[in-house]
C-alpha atoms as a PDB file:
ATOM      1  CA  MET A   1       3.602  18.213   7.789  1.00  0.00           C
ATOM      2  CA  ASP A   2       6.805  18.559   9.737  1.00  0.00           C
ATOM      3  CA  GLY A   3       7.993  21.817  11.118  1.00  0.00           C
ATOM      4  CA  SER A   4      11.237  23.117   9.539  1.00  0.00           C
ATOM      5  CA  SER A   5      13.542  23.379  12.551  1.00  0.00           C
ATOM      6  CA  GLY A   6      10.497  23.830  14.961  1.00  0.00           C
ATOM      7  CA  TYR A   7      11.975  25.154  18.125  1.00  0.00           C
ATOM      8  CA  ASN A   8      14.142  27.682  16.062  1.00  0.00           C
ATOM      9  CA  GLN A   9      10.985  29.229  14.846  1.00  0.00           C
ATOM     10  CA  ILE A  10       9.944  30.317  18.341  1.00  0.00           C
ATOM     11  CA  ARG A  11      11.494  33.872  19.272  1.00  0.00           C
ATOM     12  CA  MET A  12      12.939  34.180  22.691  1.00  0.00           C
ATOM     13  CA  ALA A  13      11.410  36.924  24.938  1.00  0.00           C
ATOM     14  CA  SER A  14      13.882  39.659  24.730  1.00  0.00           C
ATOM     15  CA  GLU A  15      14.352  39.726  28.646  1.00  0.00           C
ATOM     16  CA  ASN A  16      15.314  36.104  28.650  1.00  0.00           C
ATOM     17  CA  GLU A  17      17.812  36.264  25.705  1.00  0.00           C
ATOM     18  CA  GLU A  18      20.707  37.183  28.086  1.00  0.00           C
ATOM     19  CA  LEU A  19      19.908  33.877  30.088  1.00  0.00           C
ATOM     20  CA  THR A  20      21.220  31.947  27.222  1.00  0.00           C
ATOM     21  CA  ALA A  21      24.409  33.804  26.762  1.00  0.00           C
ATOM     22  CA  PHE A  22      27.868  31.860  26.081  1.00  0.00           C
ATOM     23  CA  ARG A  23      31.198  32.954  25.291  1.00  0.00           C
ATOM     24  CA  THR A  24      33.448  32.198  22.326  1.00  0.00           C
ATOM     25  CA  PRO A  25      36.950  33.408  21.433  1.00  0.00           C
ATOM     26  CA  LYS A  26      35.055  35.966  19.279  1.00  0.00           C
ATOM     27  CA  GLY A  27      32.882  37.339  21.956  1.00  0.00           C
ATOM     28  CA  ILE A  28      29.804  36.863  23.832  1.00  0.00           C
ATOM     29  CA  TYR A  29      26.562  35.698  22.064  1.00  0.00           C
ATOM     30  CA  CYS A  30      23.067  34.794  23.146  1.00  0.00           C
ATOM     31  CA  TYR A  31      20.121  33.011  21.325  1.00  0.00           C
ATOM     32  CA  LYS A  32      17.324  35.213  19.800  1.00  0.00           C
ATOM     33  CA  VAL A  33      15.337  32.049  18.897  1.00  0.00           C
ATOM     34  CA  MET A  34      14.666  29.024  21.117  1.00  0.00           C
ATOM     35  CA  SER A  35      17.377  26.439  21.146  1.00  0.00           C
ATOM     36  CA  PHE A  36      17.064  22.734  21.234  1.00  0.00           C
ATOM     37  CA  GLY A  37      19.093  22.341  24.308  1.00  0.00           C
ATOM     38  CA  LEU A  38      16.955  24.585  26.600  1.00  0.00           C
ATOM     39  CA  LYS A  39      15.342  22.782  29.419  1.00  0.00           C
ATOM     40  CA  ASN A  40      11.818  24.152  28.819  1.00  0.00           C
ATOM     41  CA  ALA A  41      11.953  24.216  24.970  1.00  0.00           C
ATOM     42  CA  GLY A  42       9.744  21.194  24.320  1.00  0.00           C
ATOM     43  CA  ALA A  43       7.109  22.567  26.762  1.00  0.00           C
ATOM     44  CA  THR A  44       7.309  25.925  25.238  1.00  0.00           C
ATOM     45  CA  TYR A  45       7.061  24.663  21.592  1.00  0.00           C
ATOM     46  CA  GLN A  46       3.945  22.487  22.628  1.00  0.00           C
ATOM     47  CA  ARG A  47       2.197  25.414  24.309  1.00  0.00           C
ATOM     48  CA  ALA A  48       2.833  27.605  21.358  1.00  0.00           C
ATOM     49  CA  ILE A  49       1.252  24.896  18.977  1.00  0.00           C
ATOM     50  CA  GLN A  50      -1.747  24.677  21.302  1.00  0.00           C
ATOM     51  CA  ARG A  51      -2.335  28.179  21.347  1.00  0.00           C
ATOM     52  CA  ILE A  52      -1.923  28.750  17.596  1.00  0.00           C
ATOM     53  CA  PHE A  53      -4.295  25.788  16.852  1.00  0.00           C
ATOM     54  CA  ASP A  54      -6.626  26.078  19.834  1.00  0.00           C
ATOM     55  CA  ASN A  55      -9.897  25.634  18.267  1.00  0.00           C
ATOM     56  CA  MET A  56      -8.690  23.168  15.439  1.00  0.00           C
ATOM     57  CA  LEU A  57      -7.086  20.675  17.851  1.00  0.00           C
ATOM     58  CA  HIS A  58      -8.556  17.269  17.863  1.00  0.00           C
ATOM     59  CA  LYS A  59     -11.113  18.564  14.968  1.00  0.00           C
ATOM     60  CA  ASN A  60      -9.008  19.207  11.960  1.00  0.00           C
ATOM     61  CA  VAL A  61      -5.510  19.061  13.577  1.00  0.00           C
ATOM     62  CA  GLU A  62      -3.417  16.706  15.478  1.00  0.00           C
ATOM     63  CA  TYR A  63       0.040  17.313  16.499  1.00  0.00           C
ATOM     64  CA  TYR A  64       2.929  15.717  18.231  1.00  0.00           C
ATOM     65  CA  VAL A  65       6.147  17.689  18.914  1.00  0.00           C
ATOM     66  CA  ASP A  66       6.725  19.421  15.427  1.00  0.00           C
ATOM     67  CA  ASP A  67       4.538  17.135  13.265  1.00  0.00           C
ATOM     68  CA  LEU A  68       1.004  18.280  12.079  1.00  0.00           C
ATOM     69  CA  VAL A  69      -1.653  16.076  10.644  1.00  0.00           C
ATOM     70  CA  VAL A  70      -4.601  17.916   9.150  1.00  0.00           C
ATOM     71  CA  LYS A  71      -7.543  15.840   9.096  1.00  0.00           C
ATOM     72  CA  SER A  72     -11.263  16.291   7.411  1.00  0.00           C
ATOM     73  CA  LYS A  73     -14.125  14.144   7.432  1.00  0.00           C
ATOM     74  CA  LYS A  74     -15.005  14.873   3.763  1.00  0.00           C
ATOM     75  CA  ARG A  75     -12.656  15.387   0.936  1.00  0.00           C
ATOM     76  CA  GLU A  76     -14.238  18.429  -0.136  1.00  0.00           C
ATOM     77  CA  ASP A  77     -13.589  19.996   3.220  1.00  0.00           C
ATOM     78  CA  HIS A  78      -9.826  19.222   3.173  1.00  0.00           C
ATOM     79  CA  PHE A  79      -8.703  22.316   1.120  1.00  0.00           C
ATOM     80  CA  HIS A  80     -10.766  24.572   3.523  1.00  0.00           C
ATOM     81  CA  ASP A  81      -9.114  22.869   6.538  1.00  0.00           C
ATOM     82  CA  LEU A  82      -5.787  23.025   5.066  1.00  0.00           C
ATOM     83  CA  ARG A  83      -6.203  26.851   4.027  1.00  0.00           C
ATOM     84  CA  LYS A  84      -7.159  27.457   7.681  1.00  0.00           C
ATOM     85  CA  VAL A  85      -3.977  25.676   8.988  1.00  0.00           C
ATOM     86  CA  PHE A  86      -1.768  27.602   6.288  1.00  0.00           C
ATOM     87  CA  GLU A  87      -3.473  30.791   7.442  1.00  0.00           C
ATOM     88  CA  ARG A  88      -2.391  30.214  11.053  1.00  0.00           C
ATOM     89  CA  LEU A  89       1.155  29.181  10.115  1.00  0.00           C
ATOM     90  CA  ARG A  90       1.506  32.249   8.003  1.00  0.00           C
ATOM     91  CA  ARG A  91       0.091  34.459  10.808  1.00  0.00           C
ATOM     92  CA  TYR A  92       2.411  33.159  13.455  1.00  0.00           C
ATOM     93  CA  GLN A  93       5.365  32.853  10.847  1.00  0.00           C
ATOM     94  CA  LEU A  94       5.901  29.183  11.194  1.00  0.00           C
ATOM     95  CA  LYS A  95       7.244  27.114   8.311  1.00  0.00           C
ATOM     96  CA  MET A  96       7.055  23.635   7.420  1.00  0.00           C
ATOM     97  CA  ASN A  97       9.478  21.364   5.606  1.00  0.00           C
ATOM     98  CA  PRO A  98       7.971  20.805   2.182  1.00  0.00           C
ATOM     99  CA  SER A  99      10.083  17.642   1.773  1.00  0.00           C
ATOM    100  CA  LYS A 100       8.513  16.086   4.680  1.00  0.00           C
ATOM    101  CA  CYS A 101       4.823  16.946   3.774  1.00  0.00           C
ATOM    102  CA  ALA A 102       2.118  14.907   2.172  1.00  0.00           C
ATOM    103  CA  PHE A 103      -1.107  16.289   1.019  1.00  0.00           C
ATOM    104  CA  GLY A 104      -4.336  14.690  -0.207  1.00  0.00           C
ATOM    105  CA  VAL A 105      -3.376  11.205   1.110  1.00  0.00           C
ATOM    106  CA  THR A 106      -6.040   8.903   2.516  1.00  0.00           C
ATOM    107  CA  SER A 107      -3.692   6.980   4.563  1.00  0.00           C
ATOM    108  CA  GLY A 108       0.016   7.447   5.836  1.00  0.00           C
ATOM    109  CA  LYS A 109       2.467   6.775   8.706  1.00  0.00           C
ATOM    110  CA  PHE A 110       2.605   8.948  11.558  1.00  0.00           C
ATOM    111  CA  LEU A 111       4.642   8.280  14.710  1.00  0.00           C
ATOM    112  CA  GLY A 112       4.950   4.334  13.962  1.00  0.00           C
ATOM    113  CA  PHE A 113       1.110   4.194  13.388  1.00  0.00           C
ATOM    114  CA  ILE A 114      -0.885   3.881   9.934  1.00  0.00           C
ATOM    115  CA  VAL A 115      -3.476   6.439   9.716  1.00  0.00           C
ATOM    116  CA  ARG A 116      -6.435   5.651   7.586  1.00  0.00           C
ATOM    117  CA  GLN A 117      -9.832   6.948   7.151  1.00  0.00           C
ATOM    118  CA  TRP A 118     -11.510   4.473   9.296  1.00  0.00           C
ATOM    119  CA  GLY A 119      -9.031   4.760  12.334  1.00  0.00           C
ATOM    120  CA  ILE A 120      -5.428   4.336  13.469  1.00  0.00           C
ATOM    121  CA  GLU A 121      -3.545   0.941  13.324  1.00  0.00           C
ATOM    122  CA  ILE A 122      -0.231  -0.186  14.597  1.00  0.00           C
ATOM    123  CA  GLU A 123       2.475  -0.760  11.682  1.00  0.00           C
ATOM    124  CA  GLN A 124       2.835  -4.444  11.076  1.00  0.00           C
ATOM    125  CA  ALA A 125       6.484  -4.190  11.893  1.00  0.00           C
ATOM    126  CA  LYS A 126       5.641  -3.054  15.349  1.00  0.00           C
ATOM    127  CA  ILE A 127       3.218  -5.873  15.906  1.00  0.00           C
ATOM    128  CA  ASP A 128       5.797  -8.282  14.619  1.00  0.00           C
ATOM    129  CA  ALA A 129       8.114  -6.861  17.228  1.00  0.00           C
ATOM    130  CA  ILE A 130       5.800  -7.484  19.997  1.00  0.00           C
ATOM    131  CA  LEU A 131       5.083 -10.897  18.960  1.00  0.00           C
ATOM    132  CA  ARG A 132       8.857 -11.644  19.041  1.00  0.00           C
ATOM    133  CA  MET A 133       9.428 -10.275  22.460  1.00  0.00           C
ATOM    134  CA  PRO A 134      10.574 -12.803  24.972  1.00  0.00           C
ATOM    135  CA  GLU A 135       8.184 -13.801  27.655  1.00  0.00           C
ATOM    136  CA  PRO A 136       8.894 -11.986  31.096  1.00  0.00           C
ATOM    137  CA  ALA A 137      11.049 -14.194  33.204  1.00  0.00           C
ATOM    138  CA  LYS A 138       9.154 -15.910  35.914  1.00  0.00           C
ATOM    139  CA  HIS A 139       9.181 -14.410  39.206  1.00  0.00           C
ATOM    140  CA  THR A 140      11.048 -11.201  38.412  1.00  0.00           C
ATOM    141  CA  THR A 141       8.973  -8.030  38.711  1.00  0.00           C
ATOM    142  CA  ASN A 142      11.280  -5.908  36.721  1.00  0.00           C
ATOM    143  CA  SER A 143      11.201  -8.249  33.569  1.00  0.00           C
ATOM    144  CA  PHE A 144       7.382  -8.061  33.856  1.00  0.00           C
ATOM    145  CA  LYS A 145       7.348  -4.255  34.180  1.00  0.00           C
ATOM    146  CA  GLN A 146       9.909  -3.797  31.298  1.00  0.00           C
ATOM    147  CA  SER A 147       7.338  -5.882  29.004  1.00  0.00           C
ATOM    148  CA  ILE A 148       4.536  -3.880  30.066  1.00  0.00           C
ATOM    149  CA  LEU A 149       6.371  -0.626  29.494  1.00  0.00           C
ATOM    150  CA  GLN A 150       7.426  -1.621  26.018  1.00  0.00           C
ATOM    151  CA  CYS A 151       3.792  -2.090  24.923  1.00  0.00           C
ATOM    152  CA  SER A 152       2.384   0.797  26.853  1.00  0.00           C
ATOM    153  CA  ILE A 153       2.309   3.201  24.079  1.00  0.00           C
ATOM    154  CA  TYR A 154      -0.001   1.051  22.140  1.00  0.00           C
ATOM    155  CA  ALA A 155      -2.233   0.345  25.079  1.00  0.00           C
ATOM    156  CA  ARG A 156      -3.175   4.105  25.371  1.00  0.00           C
ATOM    157  CA  THR A 157      -3.634   4.566  21.573  1.00  0.00           C
ATOM    158  CA  PRO A 158      -7.012   4.260  19.805  1.00  0.00           C
ATOM    159  CA  PHE A 159      -5.976   1.887  17.035  1.00  0.00           C
ATOM    160  CA  GLY A 160      -8.039  -0.311  14.870  1.00  0.00           C
ATOM    161  CA  SER A 161      -9.223  -3.792  15.878  1.00  0.00           C
ATOM    162  CA  ARG A 162      -7.337  -5.384  13.319  1.00  0.00           C
ATOM    163  CA  SER A 163      -4.026  -5.221  15.195  1.00  0.00           C
ATOM    164  CA  ARG A 164      -5.882  -6.310  18.431  1.00  0.00           C
ATOM    165  CA  LEU A 165      -7.353  -9.160  16.594  1.00  0.00           C
ATOM    166  CA  GLN A 166      -3.968 -10.340  15.110  1.00  0.00           C
ATOM    167  CA  ILE A 167      -2.152 -10.156  18.468  1.00  0.00           C
ATOM    168  CA  ALA A 168      -5.154 -12.163  20.041  1.00  0.00           C
ATOM    169  CA  LYS A 169      -4.944 -14.761  17.162  1.00  0.00           C
ATOM    170  CA  GLU A 170      -1.393 -15.304  17.875  1.00  0.00           C
ATOM    171  CA  GLY A 171      -2.108 -16.080  21.458  1.00  0.00           C
ATOM    172  CA  LYS A 172      -0.314 -13.047  22.755  1.00  0.00           C
ATOM    173  CA  ALA A 173      -3.244 -11.305  24.288  1.00  0.00           C
END
């Protein structure tokens, strides 16, 4: 599920509204909801999501910025888990974008990964991009660091062994 204009759903504390004031030819205005341009908007939104879904995180709910995944071990539990998520969304008046939601799926793409019942795998296109990467230039630390950084997101992610095996088969591991 994808949050509909996620940051704009978080109300500003009334004492902070004047800090967002700006002038136009028609007058002075300030934000009543969090704007995308505010320095701490991302951290504030993450903190709100963590508080809202506190006891559900990493059990039934995973999130990244304004994307939510509701997961269940058993198919029959999924409706119950979805209901709990929707109750929280309703209680805190958060809205999801229905055109970016998928329900009852056994697998799907999430942040460049394929999420399945048995685990998380890297998308084949991402594997292919790694395989096409040029080898780091010899004797240059910056080239080596850049190669490591480009792959680091996958090193920290618990993805399925299929992707690791495929990279190893290609002689790139």
